[in-house]
Amino acid sequence: MPSLVNVVSAQQQESYELYQAVSNTSDSADILPIKDHRRRRSSSIISLVEQESLEDDTDQRMLPNMNATWVDQRGAWVIHLVLIAMLKLFYNLMPRITNDIAWTMTNATYVIGSYVMFHMIKGTPFEFNGGAYDNLTMWEQIDNETLYTPARKFLILVPIGLFLVVTQFLKNNLKLFAINLFISFFCGILPKLPLLHRIRIYVPFITNPHQIS
């Protein structure tokens, strides 16, 4: 019959082997690849921004978006008209600038500036929503993405009205007319249409690749 010492030794050896098996299993689990939740860049030239997750949607609804709510104020509408008038006055004061060139520069400055502000810069300057708007432009944040609200209609009509005013002072200059038409349509009107809502177009050296979750 095996002695008591041999039985105890066999049990210890079995326990040690079991411990080694469990340890190896734990080590293997520790080195398993972990899913990377960081946003990655899309390689597509044209991409669509997907709807926010439930967590981001909840963060967006918790507090008013101060980055976009000011656009609905009537006083904010007047700012656009005052800015256009100040730009025209500024270019009128520049030497050797004719009236038609001054109107063209006024139109280009306002339209391109508003394009950068409303359609290129993403997110908010305020840290109040946990980054829930980081992937949206200001235009997409206005009125919680509701289309054809009074504020959105006004922002679409301003570049159209400005273009019509500018054309009255071009003196049948087709070159300036084409320049104003191109800038007004592609920078002031087209990006605001529902056709391009949440659409990102990657232009090398001008825009950054769209980040996707």
C-alpha atoms as a PDB file:
ATOM      1  CA  MET A   1       0.000   0.000   0.000  1.00  0.00           C
ATOM      2  CA  PRO A   2       1.289   3.508  -0.772  1.00  0.00           C
ATOM      3  CA  SER A   3       2.424   5.421   2.219  1.00  0.00           C
ATOM      4  CA  LEU A   4       0.681   8.503   3.496  1.00  0.00           C
ATOM      5  CA  VAL A   5       3.609  10.651   2.385  1.00  0.00           C
ATOM      6  CA  ASN A   6       3.297   9.423  -1.198  1.00  0.00           C
ATOM      7  CA  VAL A   7      -0.439  10.125  -1.255  1.00  0.00           C
ATOM      8  CA  VAL A   8       0.083  13.673   0.025  1.00  0.00           C
ATOM      9  CA  SER A   9       2.869  14.251  -2.520  1.00  0.00           C
ATOM     10  CA  ALA A  10       0.648  13.043  -5.346  1.00  0.00           C
ATOM     11  CA  GLN A  11      -2.137  15.392  -4.265  1.00  0.00           C
ATOM     12  CA  GLN A  12       0.302  18.302  -4.059  1.00  0.00           C
ATOM     13  CA  GLN A  13       1.634  17.496  -7.534  1.00  0.00           C
ATOM     14  CA  GLU A  14      -1.909  17.384  -8.913  1.00  0.00           C
ATOM     15  CA  SER A  15      -2.775  20.706  -7.262  1.00  0.00           C
ATOM     16  CA  TYR A  16       0.387  22.287  -8.665  1.00  0.00           C
ATOM     17  CA  GLU A  17      -0.420  21.096 -12.176  1.00  0.00           C
ATOM     18  CA  LEU A  18      -3.962  22.457 -11.876  1.00  0.00           C
ATOM     19  CA  TYR A  19      -2.581  25.784 -10.688  1.00  0.00           C
ATOM     20  CA  GLN A  20      -0.219  25.925 -13.660  1.00  0.00           C
ATOM     21  CA  ALA A  21      -3.062  25.202 -16.081  1.00  0.00           C
ATOM     22  CA  VAL A  22      -5.189  27.985 -14.595  1.00  0.00           C
ATOM     23  CA  SER A  23      -2.259  30.406 -14.691  1.00  0.00           C
ATOM     24  CA  ASN A  24      -1.559  29.655 -18.351  1.00  0.00           C
ATOM     25  CA  THR A  25      -5.205  30.225 -19.202  1.00  0.00           C
ATOM     26  CA  SER A  26      -5.207  33.588 -17.420  1.00  0.00           C
ATOM     27  CA  ASP A  27      -2.016  34.654 -19.164  1.00  0.00           C
ATOM     28  CA  SER A  28      -3.513  33.788 -22.524  1.00  0.00           C
ATOM     29  CA  ALA A  29      -6.621  35.827 -21.755  1.00  0.00           C
ATOM     30  CA  ASP A  30      -4.487  38.787 -20.712  1.00  0.00           C
ATOM     31  CA  ILE A  31      -2.697  38.975 -24.027  1.00  0.00           C
ATOM     32  CA  LEU A  32      -5.803  38.750 -26.186  1.00  0.00           C
ATOM     33  CA  PRO A  33      -6.129  41.786 -28.508  1.00  0.00           C
ATOM     34  CA  ILE A  34      -8.390  44.508 -27.180  1.00  0.00           C
ATOM     35  CA  LYS A  35     -10.768  46.266 -29.520  1.00  0.00           C
ATOM     36  CA  ASP A  36      -9.647  49.798 -30.259  1.00  0.00           C
ATOM     37  CA  HIS A  37     -12.501  52.224 -29.625  1.00  0.00           C
ATOM     38  CA  ARG A  38     -10.607  55.246 -30.883  1.00  0.00           C
ATOM     39  CA  ARG A  39     -11.958  57.006 -33.947  1.00  0.00           C
ATOM     40  CA  ARG A  40     -10.155  56.213 -37.163  1.00  0.00           C
ATOM     41  CA  ARG A  41      -9.905  58.229 -40.331  1.00  0.00           C
ATOM     42  CA  SER A  42     -11.940  57.334 -43.381  1.00  0.00           C
ATOM     43  CA  SER A  43      -9.992  56.883 -46.592  1.00  0.00           C
ATOM     44  CA  SER A  44     -13.006  57.764 -48.781  1.00  0.00           C
ATOM     45  CA  ILE A  45     -13.163  61.055 -50.644  1.00  0.00           C
ATOM     46  CA  ILE A  46     -16.909  61.274 -49.963  1.00  0.00           C
ATOM     47  CA  SER A  47     -18.281  59.860 -46.719  1.00  0.00           C
ATOM     48  CA  LEU A  48     -21.460  60.032 -44.676  1.00  0.00           C
ATOM     49  CA  VAL A  49     -21.500  60.876 -40.979  1.00  0.00           C
ATOM     50  CA  GLU A  50     -23.539  58.214 -39.214  1.00  0.00           C
ATOM     51  CA  GLN A  51     -26.122  58.995 -36.570  1.00  0.00           C
ATOM     52  CA  GLU A  52     -24.843  59.417 -33.034  1.00  0.00           C
ATOM     53  CA  SER A  53     -24.835  56.584 -30.549  1.00  0.00           C
ATOM     54  CA  LEU A  54     -27.451  56.484 -27.792  1.00  0.00           C
ATOM     55  CA  GLU A  55     -24.908  57.882 -25.342  1.00  0.00           C
ATOM     56  CA  ASP A  56     -23.996  60.839 -27.583  1.00  0.00           C
ATOM     57  CA  ASP A  57     -27.659  61.479 -28.375  1.00  0.00           C
ATOM     58  CA  THR A  58     -28.427  61.609 -24.642  1.00  0.00           C
ATOM     59  CA  ASP A  59     -25.543  64.030 -24.066  1.00  0.00           C
ATOM     60  CA  GLN A  60     -26.840  66.288 -26.836  1.00  0.00           C
ATOM     61  CA  ARG A  61     -30.295  66.487 -25.274  1.00  0.00           C
ATOM     62  CA  MET A  62     -29.146  67.163 -21.710  1.00  0.00           C
ATOM     63  CA  LEU A  63     -28.266  70.853 -22.185  1.00  0.00           C
ATOM     64  CA  PRO A  64     -28.953  73.506 -24.850  1.00  0.00           C
ATOM     65  CA  ASN A  65     -26.207  73.709 -27.452  1.00  0.00           C
ATOM     66  CA  MET A  66     -24.789  77.193 -26.887  1.00  0.00           C
ATOM     67  CA  ASN A  67     -22.727  76.870 -30.035  1.00  0.00           C
ATOM     68  CA  ALA A  68     -25.830  76.925 -32.252  1.00  0.00           C
ATOM     69  CA  THR A  69     -28.782  78.366 -30.297  1.00  0.00           C
ATOM     70  CA  TRP A  70     -27.627  81.963 -30.866  1.00  0.00           C
ATOM     71  CA  VAL A  71     -28.353  81.578 -34.597  1.00  0.00           C
ATOM     72  CA  ASP A  72     -32.100  81.577 -33.869  1.00  0.00           C
ATOM     73  CA  GLN A  73     -31.974  85.010 -32.275  1.00  0.00           C
ATOM     74  CA  ARG A  74     -33.259  87.822 -34.490  1.00  0.00           C
ATOM     75  CA  GLY A  75     -30.344  89.997 -33.419  1.00  0.00           C
ATOM     76  CA  ALA A  76     -27.990  87.430 -34.904  1.00  0.00           C
ATOM     77  CA  TRP A  77     -29.691  87.857 -38.276  1.00  0.00           C
ATOM     78  CA  VAL A  78     -28.926  91.585 -38.276  1.00  0.00           C
ATOM     79  CA  ILE A  79     -25.238  90.828 -37.681  1.00  0.00           C
ATOM     80  CA  HIS A  80     -24.969  89.281 -41.151  1.00  0.00           C
ATOM     81  CA  LEU A  81     -26.315  92.412 -42.822  1.00  0.00           C
ATOM     82  CA  VAL A  82     -24.087  94.692 -40.734  1.00  0.00           C
ATOM     83  CA  LEU A  83     -21.059  92.548 -41.532  1.00  0.00           C
ATOM     84  CA  ILE A  84     -21.750  92.735 -45.271  1.00  0.00           C
ATOM     85  CA  ALA A  85     -22.137  96.526 -45.075  1.00  0.00           C
ATOM     86  CA  MET A  86     -18.870  96.867 -43.132  1.00  0.00           C
ATOM     87  CA  LEU A  87     -17.015  94.684 -45.645  1.00  0.00           C
ATOM     88  CA  LYS A  88     -18.292  96.802 -48.528  1.00  0.00           C
ATOM     89  CA  LEU A  89     -17.237 100.003 -46.756  1.00  0.00           C
ATOM     90  CA  PHE A  90     -13.801  98.542 -46.029  1.00  0.00           C
ATOM     91  CA  TYR A  91     -13.179  97.596 -49.661  1.00  0.00           C
ATOM     92  CA  ASN A  92     -14.472 100.978 -50.846  1.00  0.00           C
ATOM     93  CA  LEU A  93     -11.765 102.656 -48.787  1.00  0.00           C
ATOM     94  CA  MET A  94      -9.021 100.660 -50.452  1.00  0.00           C
ATOM     95  CA  PRO A  95      -7.226 102.559 -53.252  1.00  0.00           C
ATOM     96  CA  ARG A  96      -7.541 101.466 -56.875  1.00  0.00           C
ATOM     97  CA  ILE A  97     -10.526  99.225 -56.126  1.00  0.00           C
ATOM     98  CA  THR A  98     -13.452  99.793 -58.478  1.00  0.00           C
ATOM     99  CA  ASN A  99     -17.027  99.373 -57.318  1.00  0.00           C
ATOM    100  CA  ASP A 100     -17.583  96.065 -59.119  1.00  0.00           C
ATOM    101  CA  ILE A 101     -14.369  94.617 -57.674  1.00  0.00           C
ATOM    102  CA  ALA A 102     -15.346  95.865 -54.216  1.00  0.00           C
ATOM    103  CA  TRP A 103     -18.706  94.097 -54.442  1.00  0.00           C
ATOM    104  CA  THR A 104     -17.031  90.909 -55.685  1.00  0.00           C
ATOM    105  CA  MET A 105     -14.541  90.957 -52.799  1.00  0.00           C
ATOM    106  CA  THR A 106     -17.349  91.644 -50.340  1.00  0.00           C
ATOM    107  CA  ASN A 107     -19.305  88.678 -51.645  1.00  0.00           C
ATOM    108  CA  ALA A 108     -16.273  86.389 -51.651  1.00  0.00           C
ATOM    109  CA  THR A 109     -15.191  87.375 -48.134  1.00  0.00           C
ATOM    110  CA  TYR A 110     -18.636  86.909 -46.617  1.00  0.00           C
ATOM    111  CA  VAL A 111     -19.506  83.663 -48.408  1.00  0.00           C
ATOM    112  CA  ILE A 112     -16.135  81.953 -47.904  1.00  0.00           C
ATOM    113  CA  GLY A 113     -15.986  83.142 -44.288  1.00  0.00           C
ATOM    114  CA  SER A 114     -19.462  81.777 -43.559  1.00  0.00           C
ATOM    115  CA  TYR A 115     -18.523  78.517 -45.281  1.00  0.00           C
ATOM    116  CA  VAL A 116     -15.533  78.070 -42.991  1.00  0.00           C
ATOM    117  CA  MET A 117     -17.621  78.943 -39.938  1.00  0.00           C
ATOM    118  CA  PHE A 118     -20.704  76.854 -40.679  1.00  0.00           C
ATOM    119  CA  HIS A 119     -19.364  73.942 -42.729  1.00  0.00           C
ATOM    120  CA  MET A 120     -15.680  73.333 -41.983  1.00  0.00           C
ATOM    121  CA  ILE A 121     -15.218  73.809 -38.232  1.00  0.00           C
ATOM    122  CA  LYS A 122     -16.613  70.874 -36.248  1.00  0.00           C
ATOM    123  CA  GLY A 123     -17.554  70.488 -32.614  1.00  0.00           C
ATOM    124  CA  THR A 124     -18.104  73.234 -30.047  1.00  0.00           C
ATOM    125  CA  PRO A 125     -15.745  75.528 -28.145  1.00  0.00           C
ATOM    126  CA  PHE A 126     -17.554  74.666 -24.918  1.00  0.00           C
ATOM    127  CA  GLU A 127     -16.927  71.566 -22.811  1.00  0.00           C
ATOM    128  CA  PHE A 128     -20.456  70.918 -21.604  1.00  0.00           C
ATOM    129  CA  ASN A 129     -21.630  67.835 -23.498  1.00  0.00           C
ATOM    130  CA  GLY A 130     -18.815  65.301 -23.342  1.00  0.00           C
ATOM    131  CA  GLY A 131     -17.847  65.800 -26.994  1.00  0.00           C
ATOM    132  CA  ALA A 132     -21.261  64.773 -28.324  1.00  0.00           C
ATOM    133  CA  TYR A 133     -21.005  67.340 -31.155  1.00  0.00           C
ATOM    134  CA  ASP A 134     -17.363  66.737 -32.059  1.00  0.00           C
ATOM    135  CA  ASN A 135     -18.241  65.187 -35.409  1.00  0.00           C
ATOM    136  CA  LEU A 136     -20.847  67.762 -36.474  1.00  0.00           C
ATOM    137  CA  THR A 137     -20.446  71.144 -38.128  1.00  0.00           C
ATOM    138  CA  MET A 138     -22.245  74.198 -36.813  1.00  0.00           C
ATOM    139  CA  TRP A 139     -24.736  73.994 -39.690  1.00  0.00           C
ATOM    140  CA  GLU A 140     -25.614  70.433 -38.654  1.00  0.00           C
ATOM    141  CA  GLN A 141     -26.005  71.504 -35.022  1.00  0.00           C
ATOM    142  CA  ILE A 142     -28.500  74.290 -35.759  1.00  0.00           C
ATOM    143  CA  ASP A 143     -32.050  73.488 -34.576  1.00  0.00           C
ATOM    144  CA  ASN A 144     -31.044  69.886 -33.788  1.00  0.00           C
ATOM    145  CA  GLU A 145     -30.651  69.152 -37.511  1.00  0.00           C
ATOM    146  CA  THR A 146     -34.224  70.162 -38.319  1.00  0.00           C
ATOM    147  CA  LEU A 147     -34.319  71.280 -41.945  1.00  0.00           C
ATOM    148  CA  TYR A 148     -35.989  74.421 -43.317  1.00  0.00           C
ATOM    149  CA  THR A 149     -36.350  76.221 -40.011  1.00  0.00           C
ATOM    150  CA  PRO A 150     -36.552  80.052 -40.154  1.00  0.00           C
ATOM    151  CA  ALA A 151     -32.875  80.396 -39.193  1.00  0.00           C
ATOM    152  CA  ARG A 152     -31.752  77.942 -41.874  1.00  0.00           C
ATOM    153  CA  LYS A 153     -33.921  79.626 -44.527  1.00  0.00           C
ATOM    154  CA  PHE A 154     -32.448  82.993 -43.630  1.00  0.00           C
ATOM    155  CA  LEU A 155     -28.865  81.704 -43.860  1.00  0.00           C
ATOM    156  CA  ILE A 156     -29.626  80.264 -47.297  1.00  0.00           C
ATOM    157  CA  LEU A 157     -31.326  83.446 -48.545  1.00  0.00           C
ATOM    158  CA  VAL A 158     -28.496  85.775 -47.476  1.00  0.00           C
ATOM    159  CA  PRO A 159     -25.899  84.534 -50.027  1.00  0.00           C
ATOM    160  CA  ILE A 160     -28.613  84.381 -52.708  1.00  0.00           C
ATOM    161  CA  GLY A 161     -29.698  87.964 -51.990  1.00  0.00           C
ATOM    162  CA  LEU A 162     -26.100  89.163 -51.826  1.00  0.00           C
ATOM    163  CA  PHE A 163     -25.348  87.587 -55.197  1.00  0.00           C
ATOM    164  CA  LEU A 164     -28.376  89.282 -56.782  1.00  0.00           C
ATOM    165  CA  VAL A 165     -27.267  92.635 -55.370  1.00  0.00           C
ATOM    166  CA  VAL A 166     -23.691  92.148 -56.594  1.00  0.00           C
ATOM    167  CA  THR A 167     -24.827  91.372 -60.139  1.00  0.00           C
ATOM    168  CA  GLN A 168     -26.437  94.816 -60.365  1.00  0.00           C
ATOM    169  CA  PHE A 169     -23.007  96.459 -60.109  1.00  0.00           C
ATOM    170  CA  LEU A 170     -20.929  94.214 -62.388  1.00  0.00           C
ATOM    171  CA  LYS A 171     -21.577  96.257 -65.549  1.00  0.00           C
ATOM    172  CA  ASN A 172     -22.048  93.133 -67.710  1.00  0.00           C
ATOM    173  CA  ASN A 173     -18.615  91.825 -66.717  1.00  0.00           C
ATOM    174  CA  LEU A 174     -19.005  88.113 -67.480  1.00  0.00           C
ATOM    175  CA  LYS A 175     -15.746  87.173 -65.761  1.00  0.00           C
ATOM    176  CA  LEU A 176     -16.775  88.742 -62.455  1.00  0.00           C
ATOM    177  CA  PHE A 177     -20.267  87.318 -62.872  1.00  0.00           C
ATOM    178  CA  ALA A 178     -18.848  83.793 -63.250  1.00  0.00           C
ATOM    179  CA  ILE A 179     -16.587  84.266 -60.213  1.00  0.00           C
ATOM    180  CA  ASN A 180     -19.454  85.463 -58.026  1.00  0.00           C
ATOM    181  CA  LEU A 181     -21.766  82.723 -59.271  1.00  0.00           C
ATOM    182  CA  PHE A 182     -19.194  80.021 -58.569  1.00  0.00           C
ATOM    183  CA  ILE A 183     -18.406  81.271 -55.056  1.00  0.00           C
ATOM    184  CA  SER A 184     -22.040  81.898 -54.103  1.00  0.00           C
ATOM    185  CA  PHE A 185     -23.302  78.554 -55.342  1.00  0.00           C
ATOM    186  CA  PHE A 186     -20.536  76.189 -54.243  1.00  0.00           C
ATOM    187  CA  CYS A 187     -19.675  77.884 -50.929  1.00  0.00           C
ATOM    188  CA  GLY A 188     -22.870  79.662 -49.903  1.00  0.00           C
ATOM    189  CA  ILE A 189     -25.802  77.600 -51.175  1.00  0.00           C
ATOM    190  CA  LEU A 190     -24.868  74.036 -52.098  1.00  0.00           C
ATOM    191  CA  PRO A 191     -23.381  73.020 -48.699  1.00  0.00           C
ATOM    192  CA  LYS A 192     -26.641  74.074 -46.995  1.00  0.00           C
ATOM    193  CA  LEU A 193     -28.932  71.885 -49.106  1.00  0.00           C
ATOM    194  CA  PRO A 194     -30.329  68.597 -47.684  1.00  0.00           C
ATOM    195  CA  LEU A 195     -28.504  66.754 -50.466  1.00  0.00           C
ATOM    196  CA  LEU A 196     -25.201  67.313 -48.639  1.00  0.00           C
ATOM    197  CA  HIS A 197     -26.460  66.972 -45.072  1.00  0.00           C
ATOM    198  CA  ARG A 198     -23.869  65.010 -43.034  1.00  0.00           C
ATOM    199  CA  ILE A 199     -21.790  64.505 -46.166  1.00  0.00           C
ATOM    200  CA  ARG A 200     -18.024  64.978 -45.927  1.00  0.00           C
ATOM    201  CA  ILE A 201     -15.906  65.664 -49.004  1.00  0.00           C
ATOM    202  CA  TYR A 202     -12.186  65.249 -48.495  1.00  0.00           C
ATOM    203  CA  VAL A 203     -10.110  67.834 -50.368  1.00  0.00           C
ATOM    204  CA  PRO A 204      -6.340  67.255 -49.910  1.00  0.00           C
ATOM    205  CA  PHE A 205      -4.512  70.051 -48.075  1.00  0.00           C
ATOM    206  CA  ILE A 206      -7.816  71.849 -47.422  1.00  0.00           C
ATOM    207  CA  THR A 207     -10.037  69.547 -45.363  1.00  0.00           C
ATOM    208  CA  ASN A 208      -9.155  66.779 -42.958  1.00  0.00           C
ATOM    209  CA  PRO A 209     -10.199  63.154 -43.557  1.00  0.00           C
ATOM    210  CA  HIS A 210     -13.515  62.366 -41.921  1.00  0.00           C
ATOM    211  CA  GLN A 211     -13.238  60.553 -38.579  1.00  0.00           C
ATOM    212  CA  ILE A 212     -15.498  57.555 -38.102  1.00  0.00           C
ATOM    213  CA  SER A 213     -16.272  55.582 -34.953  1.00  0.00           C
END
